[in-house]
Amino acid sequence: MSKWNWKKLGMAAGLTLTLVAAGCGSDESSSSSDGGLDDYSKAVDYKVTGIEAGAGVFKAAEKATEEYDSMKGWEVQASSSGAMATALGEAIDKKEPIIVTGWSPHWKFAKYDLKYLDDPKGVFGDAETINTMVRKGLKDDMPNAYKVLDNFHWDTDDMEDTMLAIQDGEDPAKAAADWVKKNEDKVKEWTDGVDKVDGKKIELAYVEWDTEVASTNVVGKVLEDLGFDVTLTPLDNAVMWKAVADGEADGMVAAWLPATHGDLYDQYKDQLEDLGENLEGAKIGLVVPEYMDIDSIEDLKPKK
């Protein structure tokens, strides 16, 4: 695996993000619907448990604190997607209130009973797509890999099968291999007319979100089966986009548009090639457990 200075910086930036857990009271009045909407806001200490600070859903959540009077004085706390999921699980185990930055597809919606808070102002945007981006010149350099990446498309159920297997403890590469084996017909659609190669090196970048771990490992396995020498490199959001734009990585299947990665797309769109959607119907927003008697961002209370 290549050792780029910017890659090290990107990884270091990701690793230095730490979780500051949302302050949740464990008393019954705070965690039950009888406590009232004001108690929910107090119980989480007017904090949203976020993910990486550079992620679009994090930035949208920060914008929500500016756009909604109900979130005046609130803070969105940076952590990581894994730390957010851990905090969510711990709160649910205790039936405590928690508000997190969420997105789907994600295994948490299959494991827990969750809901998005309504977003009347549209701060989090409409449904999103996940797109495939490749470096300029890939079509000429690696036409077979280009064709697979261009053909790659699956749906939420496909992705969540792999995500759940990984969440349940399966190694990502093994979970991807199992999915590929069970879905030969779909894989054939991606590889139709693609000849095998003999050890051609290709590198795919991705951000370590559960969705992208799943999709990148599946695509990597398909390319590996075609004879490619595949490297999968986890990076911070901004570094991932820069890597593909600069040609340091060959591609990614992890571009959330138009909102989540919109600013990064605007910055780099002329330096890379957009191969279009590989999954439709993605969504971002503020997510809470179903047991919380709250339905809208406007139901929250500002910090006094």
Protein backbone atom coordinates (compact mmCIF):
# COMPACT_ATOMS: atom_id res chain seq x y z
CA MET A 1 0.00 0.00 0.00
CA SER A 2 1.36 3.42 -0.90
CA LYS A 3 2.30 5.72 1.95
CA TRP A 4 1.27 9.22 1.08
CA ASN A 5 1.88 12.07 3.49
CA TRP A 6 -1.61 13.41 2.93
CA LYS A 7 -3.00 9.94 3.60
CA LYS A 8 -1.26 9.83 6.95
CA LEU A 9 -2.62 13.25 7.78
CA GLY A 10 -6.10 12.17 6.78
CA MET A 11 -5.97 9.03 8.90
CA ALA A 12 -4.55 10.97 11.82
CA ALA A 13 -7.33 13.49 11.57
CA GLY A 14 -9.89 10.69 11.67
CA LEU A 15 -8.26 9.01 14.65
CA THR A 16 -8.04 12.17 16.71
CA LEU A 17 -11.78 12.68 16.64
CA THR A 18 -13.07 11.54 20.04
CA LEU A 19 -16.54 10.97 21.34
CA VAL A 20 -17.88 13.34 23.91
CA ALA A 21 -20.96 11.44 25.00
CA ALA A 22 -24.23 13.33 25.08
CA GLY A 23 -25.25 13.95 28.66
CA CYS A 24 -28.28 11.73 29.25
CA GLY A 25 -29.96 11.44 32.59
CA SER A 26 -30.80 7.92 33.67
CA ASP A 27 -33.80 8.85 35.83
CA GLU A 28 -37.13 7.58 34.62
CA SER A 29 -38.68 11.03 34.13
CA SER A 30 -35.98 11.99 31.63
CA SER A 31 -36.17 8.78 29.61
CA SER A 32 -39.93 8.42 29.43
CA SER A 33 -42.44 10.27 27.31
CA ASP A 34 -44.03 11.53 30.54
CA GLY A 35 -41.02 13.78 31.06
CA GLY A 36 -42.14 16.10 28.27
CA LEU A 37 -40.36 17.61 25.30
CA ASP A 38 -38.45 20.09 27.42
CA ASP A 39 -37.01 17.21 29.47
CA TYR A 40 -35.76 15.47 26.31
CA SER A 41 -33.76 18.53 25.34
CA LYS A 42 -32.41 18.87 28.88
CA ALA A 43 -31.72 15.13 29.12
CA VAL A 44 -29.38 15.20 26.13
CA ASP A 45 -27.87 18.45 27.47
CA TYR A 46 -28.83 20.23 24.22
CA LYS A 47 -26.33 18.13 22.30
CA VAL A 48 -26.53 16.03 19.13
CA THR A 49 -24.15 13.06 18.99
CA GLY A 50 -22.48 13.50 15.61
CA ILE A 51 -19.94 11.77 13.42
CA GLU A 52 -16.85 13.19 11.68
CA ALA A 53 -16.87 16.98 11.64
CA GLY A 54 -16.20 17.07 7.89
CA ALA A 55 -19.23 14.95 6.97
CA GLY A 56 -22.18 16.59 5.25
CA VAL A 57 -24.69 15.30 7.80
CA PHE A 58 -22.59 16.87 10.56
CA LYS A 59 -22.51 20.21 8.74
CA ALA A 60 -26.25 20.01 8.08
CA ALA A 61 -26.86 19.34 11.78
CA GLU A 62 -24.81 22.42 12.65
CA LYS A 63 -26.87 24.40 10.15
CA ALA A 64 -30.02 23.13 11.86
CA THR A 65 -28.87 24.74 15.11
CA GLU A 66 -28.81 28.06 13.23
CA GLU A 67 -32.00 27.63 11.20
CA TYR A 68 -34.33 26.27 13.88
CA ASP A 69 -35.33 28.41 16.86
CA SER A 70 -35.93 25.11 18.68
CA MET A 71 -32.18 24.32 18.46
CA LYS A 72 -30.75 27.68 19.46
CA GLY A 73 -27.80 27.10 21.78
CA TRP A 74 -27.48 23.42 20.81
CA GLU A 75 -24.13 21.78 20.05
CA VAL A 76 -23.30 19.05 17.53
CA GLN A 77 -20.49 16.95 18.99
CA ALA A 78 -17.93 15.41 16.65
CA SER A 79 -16.98 11.76 17.00
CA SER A 80 -16.97 8.98 14.40
CA SER A 81 -19.64 6.82 12.81
CA GLY A 82 -18.60 3.89 15.02
CA ALA A 83 -18.60 5.96 18.19
CA MET A 84 -22.00 7.41 17.31
CA ALA A 85 -23.43 3.91 16.82
CA THR A 86 -21.96 2.78 20.14
CA ALA A 87 -23.46 5.75 21.97
CA LEU A 88 -26.81 5.07 20.30
CA GLY A 89 -26.77 1.41 21.33
CA GLU A 90 -25.85 2.22 24.90
CA ALA A 91 -28.66 4.77 25.19
CA ILE A 92 -31.19 2.32 23.74
CA ASP A 93 -30.09 -0.41 26.16
CA LYS A 94 -30.93 1.97 29.00
CA LYS A 95 -34.01 3.45 27.30
CA GLU A 96 -32.41 6.88 27.57
CA PRO A 97 -32.99 9.82 25.21
CA ILE A 98 -30.39 10.46 22.52
CA ILE A 99 -30.31 12.41 19.25
CA VAL A 100 -27.76 11.40 16.62
CA THR A 101 -26.77 12.40 13.12
CA GLY A 102 -28.10 9.52 11.04
CA TRP A 103 -28.21 8.24 7.51
CA SER A 104 -29.67 5.31 5.66
CA PRO A 105 -28.99 2.72 4.42
CA HIS A 106 -27.46 1.75 7.76
CA TRP A 107 -27.61 -1.42 9.83
CA LYS A 108 -28.86 0.52 12.85
CA PHE A 109 -32.30 0.83 11.24
CA ALA A 110 -32.52 -2.96 10.99
CA LYS A 111 -31.22 -3.53 14.52
CA TYR A 112 -33.08 -0.78 16.38
CA ASP A 113 -36.52 0.83 16.20
CA LEU A 114 -35.57 4.33 15.04
CA LYS A 115 -37.10 7.31 13.31
CA TYR A 116 -35.98 10.49 11.58
CA LEU A 117 -37.16 13.77 13.07
CA ASP A 118 -39.20 15.74 10.55
CA ASP A 119 -37.24 18.55 8.94
CA PRO A 120 -39.83 21.18 7.87
CA LYS A 121 -37.16 23.66 6.76
CA GLY A 122 -35.44 21.10 4.55
CA VAL A 123 -32.02 21.66 6.11
CA PHE A 124 -31.00 18.04 5.47
CA GLY A 125 -32.26 18.05 1.90
CA ASP A 126 -34.26 15.46 0.00
CA ALA A 127 -33.37 11.83 -0.65
CA GLU A 128 -29.76 11.37 -1.70
CA THR A 129 -27.84 9.10 -4.01
CA ILE A 130 -24.49 7.41 -3.54
CA ASN A 131 -22.33 7.93 -6.62
CA THR A 132 -19.20 6.39 -8.09
CA MET A 133 -16.27 8.71 -8.85
CA VAL A 134 -13.07 7.81 -10.69
CA ARG A 135 -9.90 9.63 -11.57
CA LYS A 136 -9.44 11.21 -14.96
CA GLY A 137 -7.87 8.78 -17.43
CA LEU A 138 -9.07 5.57 -15.75
CA LYS A 139 -11.14 4.63 -18.80
CA ASP A 140 -8.01 4.62 -20.98
CA ASP A 141 -5.67 3.08 -18.39
CA MET A 142 -7.98 0.37 -17.03
CA PRO A 143 -11.02 -0.03 -19.30
CA ASN A 144 -12.08 -3.27 -17.59
CA ALA A 145 -12.08 -1.76 -14.11
CA TYR A 146 -13.78 1.35 -15.47
CA LYS A 147 -16.59 -0.74 -16.92
CA VAL A 148 -17.18 -2.61 -13.65
CA LEU A 149 -17.27 0.63 -11.69
CA ASP A 150 -19.57 2.19 -14.27
CA ASN A 151 -21.93 -0.82 -14.11
CA PHE A 152 -21.93 -1.15 -10.32
CA HIS A 153 -25.40 -0.56 -8.91
CA TRP A 154 -27.30 -2.17 -6.04
CA ASP A 155 -30.14 -1.36 -3.66
CA THR A 156 -30.62 -0.80 0.05
CA ASP A 157 -31.40 -4.44 0.83
CA ASP A 158 -28.20 -5.56 -0.93
CA MET A 159 -26.10 -3.11 1.04
CA GLU A 160 -27.72 -3.82 4.39
CA ASP A 161 -27.17 -7.58 3.99
CA THR A 162 -23.44 -6.96 3.91
CA MET A 163 -23.54 -4.25 6.56
CA LEU A 164 -25.41 -6.44 9.02
CA ALA A 165 -22.99 -9.32 8.52
CA ILE A 166 -20.07 -7.00 9.27
CA GLN A 167 -21.85 -5.51 12.29
CA ASP A 168 -22.45 -9.03 13.61
CA GLY A 169 -18.70 -9.63 13.63
CA GLU A 170 -17.93 -10.91 10.14
CA ASP A 171 -14.70 -9.69 8.58
CA PRO A 172 -15.61 -7.13 5.85
CA ALA A 173 -13.73 -9.05 3.15
CA LYS A 174 -15.46 -12.30 4.12
CA ALA A 175 -18.89 -10.63 4.26
CA ALA A 176 -18.29 -9.15 0.81
CA ALA A 177 -17.15 -12.50 -0.59
CA ASP A 178 -20.27 -14.20 0.81
CA TRP A 179 -22.52 -11.56 -0.77
CA VAL A 180 -20.78 -11.88 -4.14
CA LYS A 181 -21.16 -15.66 -4.04
CA LYS A 182 -24.87 -15.44 -3.19
CA ASN A 183 -25.59 -12.81 -5.85
CA GLU A 184 -23.87 -14.16 -8.95
CA ASP A 185 -26.60 -12.93 -11.31
CA LYS A 186 -26.29 -9.34 -10.13
CA VAL A 187 -22.49 -9.48 -10.26
CA LYS A 188 -22.69 -10.76 -13.85
CA GLU A 189 -24.54 -7.58 -14.76
CA TRP A 190 -21.56 -5.57 -13.53
CA THR A 191 -18.94 -7.74 -15.24
CA ASP A 192 -20.71 -8.49 -18.53
CA GLY A 193 -18.18 -8.30 -21.36
CA VAL A 194 -15.27 -7.60 -19.00
CA ASP A 195 -12.12 -9.64 -19.64
CA LYS A 196 -9.91 -10.79 -16.81
CA VAL A 197 -6.54 -9.16 -16.16
CA ASP A 198 -3.30 -10.42 -14.67
CA GLY A 199 -2.46 -8.55 -11.46
CA LYS A 200 -3.19 -4.99 -12.61
CA LYS A 201 -3.01 -2.74 -9.54
CA ILE A 202 -6.04 -0.64 -8.60
CA GLU A 203 -6.74 1.41 -5.49
CA LEU A 204 -10.17 2.36 -4.17
CA ALA A 205 -10.57 5.01 -1.48
CA TYR A 206 -13.45 5.11 0.98
CA VAL A 207 -14.60 6.76 4.17
CA GLU A 208 -15.08 4.37 7.10
CA TRP A 209 -18.85 4.56 7.24
CA ASP A 210 -20.64 1.23 7.47
CA THR A 211 -22.24 1.82 4.07
CA GLU A 212 -18.94 2.48 2.37
CA VAL A 213 -17.10 -0.35 4.10
CA ALA A 214 -19.75 -2.67 2.66
CA SER A 215 -19.88 -1.29 -0.87
CA THR A 216 -16.12 -0.83 -1.28
CA ASN A 217 -15.37 -4.36 -0.09
CA VAL A 218 -17.96 -5.82 -2.46
CA VAL A 219 -16.63 -3.92 -5.48
CA GLY A 220 -13.08 -4.76 -4.42
CA LYS A 221 -13.94 -8.46 -4.30
CA VAL A 222 -15.50 -8.34 -7.78
CA LEU A 223 -12.39 -6.66 -9.18
CA GLU A 224 -10.15 -9.12 -7.35
CA ASP A 225 -12.03 -12.03 -8.92
CA LEU A 226 -11.27 -10.47 -12.31
CA GLY A 227 -7.55 -10.63 -11.57
CA PHE A 228 -6.92 -7.12 -10.24
CA ASP A 229 -4.50 -6.49 -7.39
CA VAL A 230 -6.87 -4.41 -5.24
CA THR A 231 -5.99 -2.01 -2.44
CA LEU A 232 -8.78 -0.53 -0.32
CA THR A 233 -7.74 2.62 1.52
CA PRO A 234 -9.83 4.22 4.30
CA LEU A 235 -9.54 8.01 4.43
CA ASP A 236 -11.18 11.07 5.86
CA ASN A 237 -13.97 12.52 3.67
CA ALA A 238 -12.02 15.45 2.26
CA VAL A 239 -8.85 13.42 1.77
CA MET A 240 -10.81 10.71 -0.08
CA TRP A 241 -12.10 13.22 -2.62
CA LYS A 242 -8.67 14.81 -3.04
CA ALA A 243 -7.06 11.39 -3.53
CA VAL A 244 -9.31 10.54 -6.48
CA ALA A 245 -9.15 14.06 -7.93
CA ASP A 246 -5.33 14.02 -7.79
CA GLY A 247 -5.12 10.50 -9.23
CA GLU A 248 -3.51 9.08 -6.09
CA ALA A 249 -6.48 6.70 -5.82
CA ASP A 250 -8.26 5.26 -8.84
CA GLY A 251 -11.84 5.62 -7.66
CA MET A 252 -14.46 5.47 -4.95
CA VAL A 253 -18.06 4.28 -4.65
CA ALA A 254 -18.72 6.52 -1.65
CA ALA A 255 -19.91 9.93 -2.91
CA TRP A 256 -23.14 11.01 -1.15
CA LEU A 257 -24.96 13.66 -3.19
CA PRO A 258 -26.27 16.28 -3.40
CA ALA A 259 -26.03 17.30 0.27
CA THR A 260 -23.60 15.16 2.26
CA HIS A 261 -20.59 15.60 -0.02
CA GLY A 262 -21.97 18.53 -1.98
CA ASP A 263 -19.25 20.98 -1.03
CA LEU A 264 -16.52 18.47 -1.87
CA TYR A 265 -18.17 17.64 -5.19
CA ASP A 266 -18.27 21.34 -6.08
CA GLN A 267 -14.59 21.62 -5.19
CA TYR A 268 -13.36 18.62 -7.17
CA LYS A 269 -15.98 17.91 -9.86
CA ASP A 270 -13.80 19.22 -12.68
CA GLN A 271 -10.86 17.04 -11.61
CA LEU A 272 -12.60 13.65 -11.60
CA GLU A 273 -15.27 11.71 -13.48
CA ASP A 274 -18.73 11.08 -12.05
CA LEU A 275 -20.03 7.67 -13.19
CA GLY A 276 -23.45 8.27 -11.68
CA GLU A 277 -25.53 6.63 -8.98
CA ASN A 278 -24.69 3.22 -7.54
CA LEU A 279 -27.55 3.46 -5.00
CA GLU A 280 -30.69 5.63 -4.84
CA GLY A 281 -32.91 6.58 -1.92
CA ALA A 282 -30.25 7.41 0.65
CA LYS A 283 -31.25 9.82 3.43
CA ILE A 284 -29.64 11.91 6.14
CA GLY A 285 -31.09 13.69 9.16
CA LEU A 286 -31.47 13.71 12.93
CA VAL A 287 -32.43 10.28 14.29
CA VAL A 288 -33.94 9.26 17.63
CA PRO A 289 -35.20 5.99 19.14
CA GLU A 290 -38.89 5.33 18.47
CA TYR A 291 -39.64 5.35 22.22
CA MET A 292 -38.92 9.09 22.34
CA ASP A 293 -42.26 10.91 22.10
CA ILE A 294 -41.02 13.47 19.61
CA ASP A 295 -41.53 13.72 15.86
CA SER A 296 -39.99 16.94 14.56
CA ILE A 297 -36.92 19.10 14.98
CA GLU A 298 -39.36 21.85 15.85
CA ASP A 299 -40.42 19.83 18.91
CA LEU A 300 -37.04 20.40 20.53
CA LYS A 301 -36.44 23.23 22.98
CA PRO A 302 -33.71 25.89 22.81
CA LYS A 303 -31.06 26.09 25.48
CA LYS A 304 -31.97 28.76 27.98
